[in-house]
Amino acid sequence: MIREATDMAREIRERMRDGKGSVEITHIFKQEELKGKARLVARITIPPGASIGFHEHDKEEEIYYIISGKGLVNDNGTTRTVGPGDAILTGGGAGHAIENAGDDPLEMMAVILLFA
């Protein structure tokens, strides 16, 4: 299956996971289109000053891959700055949050994989 960028569903979430501002999610493929154990495959854009609040992943794991911009990640209590090419893996009951720590949009790929 080939999906052109113009055919991807986009949504804006305000205060995502009790974060700040609005976050744009571009759904590359929806869960019902995938035969594997994934519930999210998306490109996420976080504008300057916005964030995704702290949340946990139980019975699943989430991967963030930073495409562009600068982020500040709370990885289950450990805070680090991330940038292009960096990746974050959270799951098995652990939690994370991410905020844009720069002047440009923070662009990342997000994939959520289910354990069972």
N, C-alpha and C. Protein backbone atom coordinates (compact mmCIF):
# COMPACT_ATOMS: atom_id res chain seq x y z
N MET A 1 0.84 -1.17 0.00
CA MET A 1 0.00 0.00 0.00
C MET A 1 0.89 1.24 0.00
N ILE A 2 0.56 2.17 -0.83
CA ILE A 2 1.24 3.46 -0.86
C ILE A 2 0.22 4.52 -0.46
N ARG A 3 0.59 5.35 0.46
CA ARG A 3 -0.29 6.44 0.89
C ARG A 3 0.44 7.75 0.67
N GLU A 4 -0.15 8.59 -0.14
CA GLU A 4 0.43 9.90 -0.37
C GLU A 4 0.18 10.80 0.83
N ALA A 5 1.08 11.74 1.04
CA ALA A 5 0.99 12.64 2.18
C ALA A 5 -0.36 13.36 2.23
N THR A 6 -0.89 13.71 1.09
CA THR A 6 -2.16 14.44 1.05
C THR A 6 -3.35 13.58 1.47
N ASP A 7 -3.17 12.25 1.52
CA ASP A 7 -4.26 11.35 1.91
C ASP A 7 -4.20 10.92 3.37
N MET A 8 -3.23 11.44 4.12
CA MET A 8 -3.09 11.06 5.53
C MET A 8 -4.00 11.92 6.39
N ALA A 9 -4.68 11.26 7.32
CA ALA A 9 -5.59 11.98 8.23
C ALA A 9 -4.78 12.80 9.23
N ARG A 10 -5.22 14.05 9.42
CA ARG A 10 -4.54 14.94 10.36
C ARG A 10 -5.53 15.36 11.44
N GLU A 11 -5.01 15.49 12.65
CA GLU A 11 -5.84 15.99 13.74
C GLU A 11 -5.01 16.90 14.63
N ILE A 12 -5.69 17.83 15.28
CA ILE A 12 -5.06 18.72 16.25
C ILE A 12 -5.59 18.33 17.62
N ARG A 13 -4.69 18.09 18.55
CA ARG A 13 -5.09 17.79 19.92
C ARG A 13 -4.62 18.92 20.83
N GLU A 14 -5.56 19.48 21.54
CA GLU A 14 -5.26 20.54 22.51
C GLU A 14 -4.86 19.90 23.84
N ARG A 15 -3.82 20.44 24.45
CA ARG A 15 -3.35 19.97 25.76
C ARG A 15 -3.25 18.44 25.81
N MET A 16 -2.56 17.86 24.84
CA MET A 16 -2.45 16.40 24.73
C MET A 16 -1.84 15.82 25.99
N ARG A 17 -2.52 14.89 26.59
CA ARG A 17 -2.09 14.24 27.84
C ARG A 17 -1.78 15.27 28.92
N ASP A 18 -2.60 16.32 28.97
CA ASP A 18 -2.43 17.44 29.91
C ASP A 18 -1.16 18.25 29.66
N GLY A 19 -0.69 18.22 28.42
CA GLY A 19 0.46 19.04 28.04
C GLY A 19 0.03 20.47 27.75
N LYS A 20 0.93 21.22 27.14
CA LYS A 20 0.67 22.63 26.83
C LYS A 20 0.42 22.80 25.34
N GLY A 21 -0.46 23.73 25.00
CA GLY A 21 -0.68 24.10 23.60
C GLY A 21 -1.35 23.02 22.80
N SER A 22 -1.14 23.07 21.48
CA SER A 22 -1.74 22.10 20.57
C SER A 22 -0.66 21.31 19.85
N VAL A 23 -0.99 20.07 19.54
CA VAL A 23 -0.08 19.14 18.87
C VAL A 23 -0.79 18.64 17.62
N GLU A 24 -0.07 18.58 16.50
CA GLU A 24 -0.64 18.04 15.27
C GLU A 24 -0.19 16.60 15.09
N ILE A 25 -1.16 15.71 14.84
CA ILE A 25 -0.87 14.30 14.59
C ILE A 25 -1.27 13.98 13.16
N THR A 26 -0.33 13.48 12.39
CA THR A 26 -0.60 13.01 11.03
C THR A 26 -0.56 11.49 11.07
N HIS A 27 -1.72 10.86 10.91
CA HIS A 27 -1.81 9.40 10.97
C HIS A 27 -1.34 8.83 9.63
N ILE A 28 -0.17 8.21 9.65
CA ILE A 28 0.40 7.65 8.43
C ILE A 28 -0.42 6.43 8.01
N PHE A 29 -0.64 5.53 8.95
CA PHE A 29 -1.56 4.41 8.77
C PHE A 29 -2.38 4.29 10.05
N LYS A 30 -3.64 3.93 9.92
CA LYS A 30 -4.51 3.75 11.07
C LYS A 30 -4.43 2.31 11.57
N GLN A 31 -4.77 2.12 12.83
CA GLN A 31 -4.66 0.81 13.46
C GLN A 31 -5.37 -0.28 12.66
N GLU A 32 -6.56 0.01 12.16
CA GLU A 32 -7.34 -1.00 11.45
C GLU A 32 -6.72 -1.37 10.09
N GLU A 33 -5.77 -0.60 9.60
CA GLU A 33 -5.10 -0.91 8.34
C GLU A 33 -3.88 -1.80 8.53
N LEU A 34 -3.45 -1.97 9.77
CA LEU A 34 -2.23 -2.70 10.08
C LEU A 34 -2.56 -4.12 10.53
N LYS A 35 -1.83 -5.07 10.03
CA LYS A 35 -2.04 -6.46 10.43
C LYS A 35 -1.21 -6.83 11.66
N GLY A 36 -0.18 -6.04 11.95
CA GLY A 36 0.67 -6.26 13.12
C GLY A 36 0.05 -5.70 14.37
N LYS A 37 0.75 -5.80 15.46
CA LYS A 37 0.27 -5.36 16.77
C LYS A 37 0.70 -3.92 17.04
N ALA A 38 0.21 -3.01 16.23
CA ALA A 38 0.50 -1.59 16.41
C ALA A 38 -0.82 -0.84 16.53
N ARG A 39 -0.84 0.20 17.37
CA ARG A 39 -2.07 1.00 17.46
C ARG A 39 -1.85 2.43 17.00
N LEU A 40 -0.59 2.82 16.74
CA LEU A 40 -0.33 4.16 16.24
C LEU A 40 0.93 4.16 15.39
N VAL A 41 0.83 4.75 14.21
CA VAL A 41 1.99 5.05 13.36
C VAL A 41 1.72 6.46 12.84
N ALA A 42 2.46 7.44 13.38
CA ALA A 42 2.12 8.83 13.09
C ALA A 42 3.34 9.73 13.11
N ARG A 43 3.19 10.85 12.43
CA ARG A 43 4.16 11.95 12.52
C ARG A 43 3.52 12.98 13.45
N ILE A 44 4.28 13.39 14.44
CA ILE A 44 3.76 14.35 15.41
C ILE A 44 4.57 15.63 15.31
N THR A 45 3.83 16.75 15.27
CA THR A 45 4.46 18.07 15.21
C THR A 45 4.07 18.83 16.47
N ILE A 46 5.09 19.23 17.23
CA ILE A 46 4.88 19.99 18.45
C ILE A 46 5.46 21.39 18.24
N PRO A 47 4.62 22.42 18.22
CA PRO A 47 5.12 23.78 18.00
C PRO A 47 5.92 24.28 19.21
N PRO A 48 6.71 25.34 19.02
CA PRO A 48 7.42 25.93 20.15
C PRO A 48 6.45 26.27 21.28
N GLY A 49 6.86 25.94 22.52
CA GLY A 49 6.03 26.22 23.68
C GLY A 49 4.99 25.16 23.99
N ALA A 50 4.84 24.15 23.15
CA ALA A 50 3.83 23.10 23.36
C ALA A 50 4.49 21.81 23.84
N SER A 51 3.66 20.88 24.34
CA SER A 51 4.19 19.63 24.86
C SER A 51 3.12 18.55 24.86
N ILE A 52 3.57 17.31 25.03
CA ILE A 52 2.71 16.17 25.34
C ILE A 52 3.02 15.84 26.80
N GLY A 53 1.99 15.84 27.64
CA GLY A 53 2.18 15.63 29.07
C GLY A 53 2.59 14.21 29.42
N PHE A 54 3.03 14.05 30.67
CA PHE A 54 3.49 12.74 31.17
C PHE A 54 2.35 11.73 31.13
N HIS A 55 2.65 10.56 30.59
CA HIS A 55 1.69 9.46 30.54
C HIS A 55 2.44 8.15 30.52
N GLU A 56 1.78 7.08 30.96
CA GLU A 56 2.40 5.76 31.05
C GLU A 56 1.91 4.85 29.94
N HIS A 57 2.73 3.86 29.62
CA HIS A 57 2.38 2.84 28.63
C HIS A 57 2.46 1.47 29.29
N ASP A 58 1.28 0.89 29.54
CA ASP A 58 1.18 -0.43 30.15
C ASP A 58 0.74 -1.41 29.08
N LYS A 59 1.36 -2.55 28.99
CA LYS A 59 1.05 -3.60 28.00
C LYS A 59 1.29 -3.11 26.57
N GLU A 60 2.16 -2.12 26.44
CA GLU A 60 2.54 -1.59 25.13
C GLU A 60 3.82 -0.80 25.30
N GLU A 61 4.41 -0.44 24.17
CA GLU A 61 5.58 0.44 24.19
C GLU A 61 5.45 1.46 23.08
N GLU A 62 6.02 2.64 23.33
CA GLU A 62 5.99 3.70 22.34
C GLU A 62 7.40 4.10 21.98
N ILE A 63 7.61 4.28 20.69
CA ILE A 63 8.89 4.73 20.15
C ILE A 63 8.69 6.13 19.59
N TYR A 64 9.56 7.06 19.99
CA TYR A 64 9.64 8.38 19.37
C TYR A 64 10.95 8.42 18.60
N TYR A 65 10.91 8.86 17.37
CA TYR A 65 12.12 9.09 16.58
C TYR A 65 12.11 10.55 16.17
N ILE A 66 13.08 11.31 16.61
CA ILE A 66 13.12 12.75 16.36
C ILE A 66 13.61 13.02 14.94
N ILE A 67 12.78 13.71 14.16
CA ILE A 67 13.12 14.06 12.78
C ILE A 67 13.80 15.42 12.71
N SER A 68 13.22 16.41 13.39
CA SER A 68 13.82 17.75 13.40
C SER A 68 13.38 18.50 14.65
N GLY A 69 14.13 19.50 15.00
CA GLY A 69 13.82 20.31 16.17
C GLY A 69 14.56 19.81 17.40
N LYS A 70 14.22 20.42 18.52
CA LYS A 70 14.88 20.11 19.80
C LYS A 70 13.80 19.86 20.84
N GLY A 71 13.93 18.76 21.58
CA GLY A 71 12.94 18.41 22.58
C GLY A 71 13.55 18.17 23.94
N LEU A 72 12.72 18.28 24.95
CA LEU A 72 13.09 17.95 26.32
C LEU A 72 12.18 16.79 26.73
N VAL A 73 12.78 15.63 27.02
CA VAL A 73 12.03 14.42 27.32
C VAL A 73 12.16 14.07 28.79
N ASN A 74 11.03 13.77 29.43
CA ASN A 74 11.01 13.16 30.74
C ASN A 74 10.82 11.67 30.48
N ASP A 75 11.88 10.89 30.65
CA ASP A 75 11.84 9.45 30.41
C ASP A 75 11.74 8.75 31.75
N ASN A 76 10.51 8.60 32.24
CA ASN A 76 10.24 7.93 33.51
C ASN A 76 11.03 8.55 34.66
N GLY A 77 11.11 9.89 34.65
CA GLY A 77 11.78 10.60 35.73
C GLY A 77 13.16 11.13 35.39
N THR A 78 13.74 10.69 34.30
CA THR A 78 15.04 11.18 33.84
C THR A 78 14.81 12.16 32.71
N THR A 79 15.32 13.39 32.84
CA THR A 79 15.10 14.42 31.83
C THR A 79 16.34 14.58 30.97
N ARG A 80 16.12 14.58 29.64
CA ARG A 80 17.23 14.73 28.68
C ARG A 80 16.77 15.57 27.51
N THR A 81 17.72 16.25 26.90
CA THR A 81 17.47 16.98 25.66
C THR A 81 17.70 16.03 24.50
N VAL A 82 16.81 16.09 23.48
CA VAL A 82 16.93 15.23 22.31
C VAL A 82 16.85 16.08 21.05
N GLY A 83 17.42 15.54 19.96
CA GLY A 83 17.40 16.23 18.68
C GLY A 83 17.35 15.24 17.53
N PRO A 84 17.49 15.73 16.31
CA PRO A 84 17.36 14.88 15.12
C PRO A 84 18.23 13.62 15.20
N GLY A 85 17.59 12.48 14.90
CA GLY A 85 18.28 11.20 14.92
C GLY A 85 18.18 10.47 16.24
N ASP A 86 17.76 11.15 17.31
CA ASP A 86 17.63 10.50 18.61
C ASP A 86 16.31 9.73 18.67
N ALA A 87 16.28 8.69 19.51
CA ALA A 87 15.08 7.86 19.66
C ALA A 87 14.82 7.61 21.14
N ILE A 88 13.55 7.46 21.48
CA ILE A 88 13.12 7.21 22.84
C ILE A 88 12.21 5.98 22.82
N LEU A 89 12.40 5.06 23.77
CA LEU A 89 11.56 3.88 23.89
C LEU A 89 11.00 3.84 25.31
N THR A 90 9.67 3.79 25.43
CA THR A 90 9.01 3.75 26.73
C THR A 90 7.93 2.68 26.70
N GLY A 91 7.87 1.85 27.74
CA GLY A 91 6.83 0.84 27.79
C GLY A 91 6.88 0.01 29.05
N GLY A 92 5.99 -0.97 29.13
CA GLY A 92 5.97 -1.88 30.27
C GLY A 92 5.62 -1.21 31.58
N GLY A 93 4.78 -0.17 31.54
CA GLY A 93 4.37 0.54 32.74
C GLY A 93 5.14 1.83 32.98
N ALA A 94 6.23 2.04 32.27
CA ALA A 94 7.01 3.28 32.41
C ALA A 94 6.28 4.42 31.70
N GLY A 95 6.66 5.65 32.02
CA GLY A 95 6.01 6.80 31.43
C GLY A 95 6.99 7.79 30.83
N HIS A 96 6.44 8.73 30.07
CA HIS A 96 7.26 9.76 29.45
C HIS A 96 6.44 10.99 29.11
N ALA A 97 7.14 12.07 28.84
CA ALA A 97 6.56 13.32 28.37
C ALA A 97 7.59 13.96 27.46
N ILE A 98 7.14 14.84 26.56
CA ILE A 98 8.07 15.54 25.68
C ILE A 98 7.55 16.94 25.41
N GLU A 99 8.46 17.89 25.40
CA GLU A 99 8.09 19.26 25.07
C GLU A 99 9.08 19.84 24.08
N ASN A 100 8.60 20.78 23.31
CA ASN A 100 9.46 21.47 22.35
C ASN A 100 10.35 22.41 23.15
N ALA A 101 11.66 22.24 23.02
CA ALA A 101 12.63 23.04 23.75
C ALA A 101 13.37 24.00 22.83
N GLY A 102 12.83 24.23 21.64
CA GLY A 102 13.51 25.08 20.67
C GLY A 102 12.60 26.14 20.10
N ASP A 103 13.10 26.82 19.08
CA ASP A 103 12.36 27.89 18.42
C ASP A 103 11.65 27.43 17.15
N ASP A 104 11.92 26.20 16.73
CA ASP A 104 11.31 25.63 15.52
C ASP A 104 10.39 24.48 15.93
N PRO A 105 9.47 24.07 15.05
CA PRO A 105 8.62 22.92 15.38
C PRO A 105 9.46 21.67 15.66
N LEU A 106 9.03 20.87 16.62
CA LEU A 106 9.63 19.58 16.92
C LEU A 106 8.84 18.55 16.12
N GLU A 107 9.50 17.86 15.20
CA GLU A 107 8.87 16.85 14.35
C GLU A 107 9.40 15.48 14.75
N MET A 108 8.48 14.53 14.95
CA MET A 108 8.92 13.19 15.32
C MET A 108 7.95 12.14 14.79
N MET A 109 8.47 10.96 14.63
CA MET A 109 7.69 9.79 14.26
C MET A 109 7.34 9.08 15.57
N ALA A 110 6.09 8.65 15.72
CA ALA A 110 5.67 7.92 16.91
C ALA A 110 5.02 6.61 16.48
N VAL A 111 5.43 5.52 17.13
CA VAL A 111 4.86 4.20 16.87
C VAL A 111 4.53 3.58 18.22
N ILE A 112 3.30 3.10 18.37
CA ILE A 112 2.92 2.37 19.59
C ILE A 112 2.68 0.92 19.21
N LEU A 113 3.44 0.02 19.88
CA LEU A 113 3.35 -1.42 19.66
C LEU A 113 2.72 -2.08 20.87
N LEU A 114 1.77 -2.98 20.63
CA LEU A 114 1.08 -3.70 21.69
C LEU A 114 1.84 -4.96 22.05
N PHE A 115 1.83 -5.34 23.33
CA PHE A 115 2.57 -6.53 23.79
C PHE A 115 1.92 -7.84 23.41
N ALA A 116 0.61 -7.88 23.24
CA ALA A 116 -0.01 -9.19 23.00
C ALA A 116 -0.67 -9.27 21.66
